PDB file of N, CA and C in Angstrom:
ATOM      1  N   UNK A   1     100.245  59.432  94.776  1.00  0.00           N
ATOM      2  CA  UNK A   1      98.835  59.721  94.594  1.00  0.00           C
ATOM      3  C   UNK A   1      98.179  59.648  93.594  1.00  0.00           C
ATOM      4  N   UNK A   2      97.198  58.878  94.271  1.00  0.00           N
ATOM      5  CA  UNK A   2      95.939  58.794  92.390  1.00  0.00           C
ATOM      6  C   UNK A   2      95.468  59.838  92.050  1.00  0.00           C
ATOM      7  N   UNK A   3      95.268  60.440  91.147  1.00  0.00           N
ATOM      8  CA  UNK A   3      94.628  61.265  90.783  1.00  0.00           C
ATOM      9  C   UNK A   3      93.273  62.020  91.505  1.00  0.00           C
ATOM     10  N   UNK A   4      92.557  61.165  92.339  1.00  0.00           N
ATOM     11  CA  UNK A   4      90.902  60.814  93.085  1.00  0.00           C
ATOM     12  C   UNK A   4      91.914  61.945  94.257  1.00  0.00           C
ATOM     13  N   UNK A   5      92.582  61.342  95.040  1.00  0.00           N
ATOM     14  CA  UNK A   5      93.089  61.534  95.912  1.00  0.00           C
ATOM     15  C   UNK A   5      93.690  63.844  95.734  1.00  0.00           C
ATOM     16  N   UNK A   6      94.079  63.681  95.180  1.00  0.00           N
ATOM     17  CA  UNK A   6      94.855  64.895  94.322  1.00  0.00           C
ATOM     18  C   UNK A   6      93.263  65.866  94.702  1.00  0.00           C
ATOM     19  N   UNK A   7      93.081  65.649  93.539  1.00  0.00           N
ATOM     20  CA  UNK A   7      91.474  66.253  93.256  1.00  0.00           C
ATOM     21  C   UNK A   7      90.817  66.840  95.029  1.00  0.00           C
ATOM     22  N   UNK A   8      90.548  65.598  95.139  1.00  0.00           N
ATOM     23  CA  UNK A   8      90.005  65.542  96.843  1.00  0.00           C
ATOM     24  C   UNK A   8      91.296  66.620  97.577  1.00  0.00           C
ATOM     25  N   UNK A   9      92.461  66.989  97.641  1.00  0.00           N
ATOM     26  CA  UNK A   9      92.547  67.875  98.607  1.00  0.00           C
ATOM     27  C   UNK A   9      93.185  68.514  97.951  1.00  0.00           C
ATOM     28  N   UNK A  10      93.209  69.084  96.440  1.00  0.00           N
ATOM     29  CA  UNK A  10      93.081  70.651  96.288  1.00  0.00           C
ATOM     30  C   UNK A  10      91.654  71.131  96.650  1.00  0.00           C
ATOM     31  N   UNK A  11      90.710  70.019  96.027  1.00  0.00           N
ATOM     32  CA  UNK A  11      89.100  71.198  96.954  1.00  0.00           C
ATOM     33  C   UNK A  11      89.159  71.270  98.758  1.00  0.00           C
ATOM     34  N   UNK A  12      89.790  70.221  98.779  1.00  0.00           N
ATOM     35  CA  UNK A  12      89.931  70.381 100.990  1.00  0.00           C
ATOM     36  C   UNK A  12      90.150  70.994 101.403  1.00  0.00           C
ATOM     37  N   UNK A  13      91.255  72.312 100.691  1.00  0.00           N
ATOM     38  CA  UNK A  13      92.499  73.633 100.414  1.00  0.00           C
ATOM     39  C   UNK A  13      91.199  74.640  99.992  1.00  0.00           C
ATOM     40  N   UNK A  14      90.249  74.612  99.330  1.00  0.00           N
ATOM     41  CA  UNK A  14      89.902  75.662  98.521  1.00  0.00           C
ATOM     42  C   UNK A  14      88.806  75.725  99.315  1.00  0.00           C
ATOM     43  N   UNK A  15      88.060  74.559 100.321  1.00  0.00           N
ATOM     44  CA  UNK A  15      87.219  75.210 100.702  1.00  0.00           C
ATOM     45  C   UNK A  15      87.473  75.815 102.671  1.00  0.00           C
ATOM     46  N   UNK A  16      88.332  75.256 102.382  1.00  0.00           N
ATOM     47  CA  UNK A  16      89.474  75.698 104.099  1.00  0.00           C
ATOM     48  C   UNK A  16      90.162  77.361 103.628  1.00  0.00           C
ATOM     49  N   UNK A  17      90.610  77.646 102.805  1.00  0.00           N
ATOM     50  CA  UNK A  17      90.563  79.074 102.129  1.00  0.00           C
ATOM     51  C   UNK A  17      89.257  79.861 102.357  1.00  0.00           C
ATOM     52  N   UNK A  18      88.703  78.873 102.027  1.00  0.00           N
ATOM     53  CA  UNK A  18      87.812  79.976 100.952  1.00  0.00           C
ATOM     54  C   UNK A  18      86.641  80.157 102.695  1.00  0.00           C
ATOM     55  N   UNK A  19      86.533  79.858 103.544  1.00  0.00           N
ATOM     56  CA  UNK A  19      86.498  79.723 105.023  1.00  0.00           C
ATOM     57  C   UNK A  19      87.410  80.257 106.015  1.00  0.00           C
ATOM     58  N   UNK A  20      87.750  80.610 105.666  1.00  0.00           N
ATOM     59  CA  UNK A  20      89.525  81.162 106.359  1.00  0.00           C
ATOM     60  C   UNK A  20      88.692  82.854 105.384  1.00  0.00           C
ATOM     61  N   UNK A  21      89.076  83.327 104.131  1.00  0.00           N
ATOM     62  CA  UNK A  21      88.819  83.828 103.204  1.00  0.00           C
ATOM     63  C   UNK A  21      87.531  84.797 104.544  1.00  0.00           C
ATOM     64  N   UNK A  22      85.841  84.080 104.333  1.00  0.00           N
ATOM     65  CA  UNK A  22      84.684  84.615 104.884  1.00  0.00           C
ATOM     66  C   UNK A  22      84.940  85.011 105.926  1.00  0.00           C
ATOM     67  N   UNK A  23      85.869  84.438 106.991  1.00  0.00           N
ATOM     68  CA  UNK A  23      86.329  85.212 108.995  1.00  0.00           C
ATOM     69  C   UNK A  23      86.796  86.064 108.387  1.00  0.00           C
ATOM     70  N   UNK A  24      87.817  86.618 107.413  1.00  0.00           N
ATOM     71  CA  UNK A  24      88.455  87.602 107.518  1.00  0.00           C
ATOM     72  C   UNK A  24      87.667  88.692 106.999  1.00  0.00           C
ATOM     73  N   UNK A  25      86.993  88.156 105.665  1.00  0.00           N
ATOM     74  CA  UNK A  25      86.012  88.722 105.534  1.00  0.00           C
ATOM     75  C   UNK A  25      84.617  89.646 106.600  1.00  0.00           C
ATOM     76  N   UNK A  26      84.622  88.293 107.576  1.00  0.00           N
ATOM     77  CA  UNK A  26      83.604  88.851 108.818  1.00  0.00           C
ATOM     78  C   UNK A  26      84.045  89.889 109.709  1.00  0.00           C
ATOM     79  N   UNK A  27      85.160  90.193 109.204  1.00  0.00           N
ATOM     80  CA  UNK A  27      85.934  90.298 110.657  1.00  0.00           C
ATOM     81  C   UNK A  27      86.544  92.009 109.715  1.00  0.00           C
ATOM     82  N   UNK A  28      86.663  92.157 108.919  1.00  0.00           N
ATOM     83  CA  UNK A  28      86.291  93.274 108.604  1.00  0.00           C
ATOM     84  C   UNK A  28      85.229  93.747 108.543  1.00  0.00           C
ATOM     85  N   UNK A  29      84.443  93.845 107.930  1.00  0.00           N
ATOM     86  CA  UNK A  29      82.691  93.658 107.880  1.00  0.00           C
ATOM     87  C   UNK A  29      83.008  94.272 109.476  1.00  0.00           C
ATOM     88  N   UNK A  30      82.851  93.872 110.332  1.00  0.00           N
ATOM     89  CA  UNK A  30      82.851  93.897 111.509  1.00  0.00           C
ATOM     90  C   UNK A  30      84.037  95.148 112.481  1.00  0.00           C
ATOM     91  N   UNK A  31      84.942  94.866 111.804  1.00  0.00           N
ATOM     92  CA  UNK A  31      85.714  96.363 111.905  1.00  0.00           C
ATOM     93  C   UNK A  31      85.874  97.802 111.534  1.00  0.00           C
ATOM     94  N   UNK A  32      85.007  97.672 110.246  1.00  0.00           N
ATOM     95  CA  UNK A  32      84.833  99.113 109.258  1.00  0.00           C
ATOM     96  C   UNK A  32      83.411  99.419 110.373  1.00  0.00           C
ATOM     97  N   UNK A  33      82.308  99.116 110.005  1.00  0.00           N
ATOM     98  CA  UNK A  33      80.889  98.792 111.245  1.00  0.00           C
ATOM     99  C   UNK A  33      81.560  99.878 112.668  1.00  0.00           C
ATOM    100  N   UNK A  34      82.354  99.210 112.936  1.00  0.00           N
ATOM    101  CA  UNK A  34      82.304  99.855 113.967  1.00  0.00           C
ATOM    102  C   UNK A  34      83.248 101.126 114.422  1.00  0.00           C
ATOM    103  N   UNK A  35      83.776 101.248 113.502  1.00  0.00           N
ATOM    104  CA  UNK A  35      84.656 102.517 112.830  1.00  0.00           C
ATOM    105  C   UNK A  35      84.223 103.697 112.477  1.00  0.00           C
ATOM    106  N   UNK A  36      82.995 103.195 111.670  1.00  0.00           N
ATOM    107  CA  UNK A  36      81.434 103.707 111.243  1.00  0.00           C
ATOM    108  C   UNK A  36      80.405 104.621 112.694  1.00  0.00           C
ATOM    109  N   UNK A  37      80.866 103.879 113.744  1.00  0.00           N
ATOM    110  CA  UNK A  37      79.831 103.436 114.860  1.00  0.00           C
ATOM    111  C   UNK A  37      79.934 104.970 115.681  1.00  0.00           C
ATOM    112  N   UNK A  38      81.848 104.659 115.774  1.00  0.00           N
ATOM    113  CA  UNK A  38      83.196 106.010 116.294  1.00  0.00           C
ATOM    114  C   UNK A  38      82.597 106.977 115.734  1.00  0.00           C
ATOM    115  N   UNK A  39      82.932 106.968 113.964  1.00  0.00           N
ATOM    116  CA  UNK A  39      83.080 108.445 113.974  1.00  0.00           C
ATOM    117  C   UNK A  39      81.609 109.218 113.518  1.00  0.00           C
ATOM    118  N   UNK A  40      80.453 108.424 114.026  1.00  0.00           N
ATOM    119  CA  UNK A  40      78.847 109.200 114.214  1.00  0.00           C
ATOM    120  C   UNK A  40      78.830 109.277 115.070  1.00  0.00           C
ATOM    121  N   UNK A  41      79.908 108.834 116.373  1.00  0.00           N
ATOM    122  CA  UNK A  41      79.844 109.642 117.829  1.00  0.00           C
ATOM    123  C   UNK A  41      80.459 110.962 117.828  1.00  0.00           C
ATOM    124  N   UNK A  42      81.785 110.630 117.325  1.00  0.00           N
ATOM    125  CA  UNK A  42      82.999 111.814 116.883  1.00  0.00           C
ATOM    126  C   UNK A  42      81.856 113.021 116.373  1.00  0.00           C
ATOM    127  N   UNK A  43      81.097 112.393 114.958  1.00  0.00           N
ATOM    128  CA  UNK A  43      80.415 113.693 114.335  1.00  0.00           C
ATOM    129  C   UNK A  43      79.180 114.620 114.748  1.00  0.00           C
ATOM    130  N   UNK A  44      79.286 113.180 116.013  1.00  0.00           N
ATOM    131  CA  UNK A  44      77.504 114.420 117.221  1.00  0.00           C
ATOM    132  C   UNK A  44      77.729 115.169 118.044  1.00  0.00           C
ATOM    133  N   UNK A  45      78.796 114.020 118.704  1.00  0.00           N
ATOM    134  CA  UNK A  45      79.600 115.158 119.670  1.00  0.00           C
ATOM    135  C   UNK A  45      80.334 116.155 119.007  1.00  0.00           C
ATOM    136  N   UNK A  46      81.410 117.019 118.377  1.00  0.00           N
ATOM    137  CA  UNK A  46      81.451 117.318 118.139  1.00  0.00           C
ATOM    138  C   UNK A  46      80.554 118.786 117.500  1.00  0.00           C
ATOM    139  N   UNK A  47      78.691 117.878 116.602  1.00  0.00           N
ATOM    140  CA  UNK A  47      78.545 119.593 116.977  1.00  0.00           C
ATOM    141  C   UNK A  47      77.308 119.594 118.213  1.00  0.00           C
ATOM    142  N   UNK A  48      77.029 118.338 119.194  1.00  0.00           N
ATOM    143  CA  UNK A  48      77.108 119.960 120.349  1.00  0.00           C
ATOM    144  C   UNK A  48      77.299 120.525 120.848  1.00  0.00           C
ATOM    145  N   UNK A  49      78.558 120.154 120.684  1.00  0.00           N
ATOM    146  CA  UNK A  49      79.717 121.456 121.229  1.00  0.00           C
ATOM    147  C   UNK A  49      79.924 122.202 121.270  1.00  0.00           C
ATOM    148  N   UNK A  50      79.808 122.669 119.384  1.00  0.00           N
ATOM    149  CA  UNK A  50      79.616 123.368 118.485  1.00  0.00           C
ATOM    150  C   UNK A  50      78.084 124.387 118.793  1.00  0.00           C
ATOM    151  N   UNK A  51      77.152 123.396 119.251  1.00  0.00           N
ATOM    152  CA  UNK A  51      75.491 124.190 119.511  1.00  0.00           C
ATOM    153  C   UNK A  51      76.267 124.767 120.927  1.00  0.00           C
ATOM    154  N   UNK A  52      76.754 124.365 121.651  1.00  0.00           N
ATOM    155  CA  UNK A  52      76.999 124.079 123.390  1.00  0.00           C
ATOM    156  C   UNK A  52      77.174 125.933 122.928  1.00  0.00           C
ATOM    157  N   UNK A  53      78.522 125.321 122.318  1.00  0.00           N
ATOM    158  CA  UNK A  53      78.952 126.624 121.747  1.00  0.00           C
ATOM    159  C   UNK A  53      78.246 128.253 121.133  1.00  0.00           C
ATOM    160  N   UNK A  54      78.221 127.728 120.312  1.00  0.00           N
ATOM    161  CA  UNK A  54      76.757 128.928 119.881  1.00  0.00           C
ATOM    162  C   UNK A  54      76.075 129.312 121.036  1.00  0.00           C
ATOM    163  N   UNK A  55      75.040 128.666 121.135  1.00  0.00           N
ATOM    164  CA  UNK A  55      74.398 129.387 122.359  1.00  0.00           C
ATOM    165  C   UNK A  55      75.193 129.635 123.647  1.00  0.00           C
ATOM    166  N   UNK A  56      76.071 129.584 123.938  1.00  0.00           N
ATOM    167  CA  UNK A  56      77.291 130.092 125.521  1.00  0.00           C
ATOM    168  C   UNK A  56      77.260 131.740 124.528  1.00  0.00           C
ATOM    169  N   UNK A  57      77.880 131.620 122.956  1.00  0.00           N
ATOM    170  CA  UNK A  57      78.328 132.859 122.547  1.00  0.00           C
ATOM    171  C   UNK A  57      77.189 134.280 122.476  1.00  0.00           C
ATOM    172  N   UNK A  58      75.460 133.215 122.271  1.00  0.00           N
ATOM    173  CA  UNK A  58      74.590 133.719 122.038  1.00  0.00           C
ATOM    174  C   UNK A  58      73.909 135.118 123.160  1.00  0.00           C
ATOM    175  N   UNK A  59      74.462 134.612 123.647  1.00  0.00           N
ATOM    176  CA  UNK A  59      73.818 135.479 125.547  1.00  0.00           C
ATOM    177  C   UNK A  59      74.473 136.328 125.361  1.00  0.00           C
TER     178      UNK A  59
END
């Protein structure tokens, strides 16, 4: 195999690895963003529950 062919092969694998890595990073960011939204919803739900409990106890 010629030196040029080896260099081309090495560069192609790097580009493919880069694309795969970028896709994994995007997937990871999406999962983190979704998890953040779920946590915010749980916190908001808990705050509403505590507020309702406080109102009920003050009656």
